[in-house]
């Protein structure tokens, strides 16, 4: 009997494979910041302490990688993306978001409405422990309803934009929508 939580073409794993561009940014909580800008009423730059002071949420969600593995029941803790949007107050023209990371200019993109789901968060804890650096620590975006490359590691900037701006993998032929339930792995 197929597992109803396993998207087509995926296999379940108990481990947590590491996939990235091979550059793990250093983390110094004294100088780390998160920039929130673009088509917003209130641009902001949050320090690590300010991010940790925001209201916390906990989400248990499955995680699906485009390379065909899925990991069930990840326990994430962090800040709801909605909280960030409420802080920044996106302008009505803002329909998309570009997410920029600390590893050599990596970006990804999502429609703003996809980020407003209740299970989307900026996670700094995983399974009860601080998020490891090799999995995006100190903080990464988590978007459970999309393939994992949309869950940007080492997130450093959130830019609200009017027009969609495909990111690192999207311009290299990966799907812009990345829905694992529709097997939207590639754009061709």
Protein backbone atom coordinates (compact mmCIF):
# COMPACT_ATOMS: atom_id res chain seq x y z
CA UNK A 1 0.00 0.00 0.00
CA UNK A 2 1.51 3.39 -0.97
CA UNK A 3 2.29 5.85 1.80
CA UNK A 4 -0.14 8.78 1.45
CA UNK A 5 2.53 11.15 2.81
CA UNK A 6 5.14 10.19 0.20
CA UNK A 7 4.93 12.23 -3.02
CA UNK A 8 5.31 10.42 -6.36
CA UNK A 9 8.87 9.40 -7.20
CA UNK A 10 10.11 9.86 -3.62
CA UNK A 11 11.60 7.36 -1.15
CA UNK A 12 11.53 7.76 2.63
CA UNK A 13 14.78 8.15 4.56
CA UNK A 14 15.49 8.23 8.29
CA UNK A 15 18.68 10.19 7.67
CA UNK A 16 19.10 13.74 6.52
CA UNK A 17 21.28 13.90 3.41
CA UNK A 18 23.24 17.12 2.94
CA UNK A 19 23.05 18.84 -0.45
CA UNK A 20 24.33 22.34 -1.16
CA UNK A 21 26.80 24.28 -3.30
CA UNK A 22 29.70 23.24 -1.07
CA UNK A 23 30.08 26.53 0.78
CA UNK A 24 29.00 26.68 4.42
CA UNK A 25 29.00 30.28 5.64
CA UNK A 26 30.48 31.02 9.04
CA UNK A 27 28.13 32.16 11.78
CA UNK A 28 29.00 34.85 14.29
CA UNK A 29 25.91 35.87 16.28
CA UNK A 30 27.50 39.27 17.02
CA UNK A 31 27.56 40.32 13.34
CA UNK A 32 24.87 38.13 11.74
CA UNK A 33 21.82 39.94 10.39
CA UNK A 34 18.76 39.37 8.23
CA UNK A 35 17.79 42.11 5.78
CA UNK A 36 14.13 42.55 4.85
CA UNK A 37 13.61 44.95 1.96
CA UNK A 38 12.06 45.62 -1.44
CA UNK A 39 8.42 46.53 -1.93
CA UNK A 40 7.65 46.97 1.78
CA UNK A 41 6.45 49.82 3.97
CA UNK A 42 8.92 49.02 6.75
CA UNK A 43 12.32 47.69 5.63
CA UNK A 44 14.29 46.17 8.49
CA UNK A 45 17.58 44.59 9.42
CA UNK A 46 17.27 42.12 12.27
CA UNK A 47 20.16 41.03 14.45
CA UNK A 48 20.35 37.44 15.68
CA UNK A 49 19.04 38.53 19.10
CA UNK A 50 16.14 40.42 17.51
CA UNK A 51 15.19 37.42 15.39
CA UNK A 52 15.21 35.13 18.44
CA UNK A 53 13.04 37.64 20.34
CA UNK A 54 10.20 37.38 17.77
CA UNK A 55 7.25 35.09 18.60
CA UNK A 56 8.19 31.43 18.17
CA UNK A 57 6.23 28.74 16.38
CA UNK A 58 6.69 24.99 16.15
CA UNK A 59 5.83 23.06 13.02
CA UNK A 60 6.07 19.33 12.41
CA UNK A 61 6.31 18.72 8.68
CA UNK A 62 7.69 16.36 6.08
CA UNK A 63 10.66 17.49 3.96
CA UNK A 64 10.96 16.47 0.30
CA UNK A 65 14.16 16.81 -1.73
CA UNK A 66 14.14 17.00 -5.52
CA UNK A 67 16.76 14.22 -5.53
CA UNK A 68 13.94 11.81 -4.57
CA UNK A 69 14.22 11.44 -0.80
CA UNK A 70 11.70 12.48 1.83
CA UNK A 71 12.17 12.76 5.58
CA UNK A 72 9.02 12.53 7.71
CA UNK A 73 8.06 14.35 10.91
CA UNK A 74 10.75 17.03 11.10
CA UNK A 75 10.16 19.18 14.17
CA UNK A 76 11.03 22.77 13.29
CA UNK A 77 11.07 25.79 15.59
CA UNK A 78 11.49 29.39 14.56
CA UNK A 79 9.59 32.44 13.38
CA UNK A 80 6.54 32.20 11.14
CA UNK A 81 7.10 33.87 7.78
CA UNK A 82 3.82 35.68 8.44
CA UNK A 83 5.48 37.42 11.40
CA UNK A 84 8.21 38.72 9.09
CA UNK A 85 5.62 39.90 6.56
CA UNK A 86 3.64 41.64 9.32
CA UNK A 87 6.82 43.38 10.45
CA UNK A 88 7.77 44.52 6.93
CA UNK A 89 4.24 45.29 5.71
CA UNK A 90 4.53 44.38 2.00
CA UNK A 91 3.07 46.90 -0.42
CA UNK A 92 0.03 45.76 -2.41
CA UNK A 93 2.20 45.45 -5.54
CA UNK A 94 4.46 42.85 -3.85
CA UNK A 95 3.46 39.47 -5.26
CA UNK A 96 6.74 37.51 -5.04
CA UNK A 97 9.72 37.13 -2.73
CA UNK A 98 13.40 36.62 -3.54
CA UNK A 99 15.35 34.83 -0.81
CA UNK A 100 19.09 35.41 -0.76
CA UNK A 101 21.47 33.17 1.15
CA UNK A 102 24.95 33.45 2.57
CA UNK A 103 26.55 30.91 0.22
CA UNK A 104 27.97 32.50 -2.92
CA UNK A 105 24.91 34.39 -4.09
CA UNK A 106 22.38 31.54 -3.92
CA UNK A 107 18.82 32.76 -4.34
CA UNK A 108 15.43 31.17 -4.70
CA UNK A 109 12.00 32.63 -5.28
CA UNK A 110 8.42 32.02 -4.27
CA UNK A 111 5.06 33.69 -4.67
CA UNK A 112 4.24 35.71 -1.57
CA UNK A 113 0.97 33.83 -1.03
CA UNK A 114 2.88 30.49 -0.86
CA UNK A 115 5.00 31.87 1.98
CA UNK A 116 1.95 32.95 3.97
CA UNK A 117 0.89 29.32 4.72
CA UNK A 118 0.77 28.49 8.43
CA UNK A 119 3.58 25.91 8.13
CA UNK A 120 6.19 28.23 6.54
CA UNK A 121 8.83 29.48 8.95
CA UNK A 122 12.36 30.74 9.42
CA UNK A 123 13.66 27.77 11.39
CA UNK A 124 16.58 27.89 13.81
CA UNK A 125 15.88 24.61 15.62
CA UNK A 126 15.36 21.12 14.20
CA UNK A 127 14.22 18.09 16.19
CA UNK A 128 14.80 19.90 19.49
CA UNK A 129 18.35 21.09 18.77
CA UNK A 130 19.86 24.21 17.19
CA UNK A 131 19.81 23.87 13.40
CA UNK A 132 23.24 22.50 12.37
CA UNK A 133 25.38 24.73 10.14
CA UNK A 134 25.62 22.04 7.47
CA UNK A 135 21.81 22.01 7.17
CA UNK A 136 21.41 25.77 6.91
CA UNK A 137 22.07 26.92 10.46
CA UNK A 138 21.83 29.17 12.16
CA UNK A 139 18.53 29.72 10.31
CA UNK A 140 16.86 28.56 7.13
CA UNK A 141 13.53 29.00 5.45
CA UNK A 142 11.23 25.94 5.61
CA UNK A 143 8.47 25.60 2.99
CA UNK A 144 7.07 22.08 3.50
CA UNK A 145 4.75 22.09 0.46
CA UNK A 146 7.66 22.65 -1.98
CA UNK A 147 10.79 20.72 -2.89
CA UNK A 148 13.57 21.52 -0.46
CA UNK A 149 15.65 23.83 -2.68
CA UNK A 150 12.91 26.41 -2.04
CA UNK A 151 13.65 26.04 1.71
CA UNK A 152 16.68 28.29 1.43
CA UNK A 153 19.63 27.52 3.73
CA UNK A 154 21.67 30.26 5.44
CA UNK A 155 18.98 32.86 4.70
CA UNK A 156 20.30 36.44 4.92
CA UNK A 157 17.91 38.58 2.89
CA UNK A 158 14.18 38.59 2.13
CA UNK A 159 13.24 40.89 -0.74
CA UNK A 160 9.59 41.49 -1.60
CA UNK A 161 9.22 42.15 -5.34
CA UNK A 162 6.47 42.92 -7.84
CA UNK A 163 7.64 40.53 -10.57
CA UNK A 164 8.87 36.97 -10.23
CA UNK A 165 12.68 36.65 -10.33
CA UNK A 166 13.80 33.03 -10.77
CA UNK A 167 16.69 31.99 -8.53
CA UNK A 168 19.82 29.86 -8.77
CA UNK A 169 18.22 26.49 -9.60
CA UNK A 170 15.24 27.92 -11.44
CA UNK A 171 17.42 29.56 -14.09
CA UNK A 172 19.24 26.21 -14.46
CA UNK A 173 16.11 24.34 -15.51
CA UNK A 174 14.48 23.41 -12.23
CA UNK A 175 10.75 24.01 -11.80
CA UNK A 176 9.70 27.45 -10.66
CA UNK A 177 6.74 26.03 -8.73
CA UNK A 178 8.48 22.92 -7.24
CA UNK A 179 5.36 21.08 -6.07
CA UNK A 180 6.43 17.56 -4.97
CA UNK A 181 2.89 16.20 -5.25
CA UNK A 182 2.87 17.10 -8.96
CA UNK A 183 6.52 15.99 -9.42
CA UNK A 184 7.43 19.47 -10.64
CA UNK A 185 11.17 18.87 -10.56
CA UNK A 186 12.23 20.50 -13.81
CA UNK A 187 10.83 23.24 -16.04
CA UNK A 188 11.21 21.30 -19.31
